[in-house]
């Protein structure tokens, strides 16, 4: 049975068979639900707590 994962950036649940798995050089595995989340974290270095569409924003405020 495939397991579901949580997006490393926005916190959304990733359905099995979808999403992007990114492996860093140190062996850490990051799961992303969309290319939007991947770009915001890796390319633009944004903080998820400051974006309204993430679940971590609602936890802080």
Foldseek 3Di string as FASTA:
>chain_A
DDDWDAAPQQGDIADPPAWDWDADPVGDIGTHRDVVRVCVCPPVVDHSCPDPRGPNVVVVD
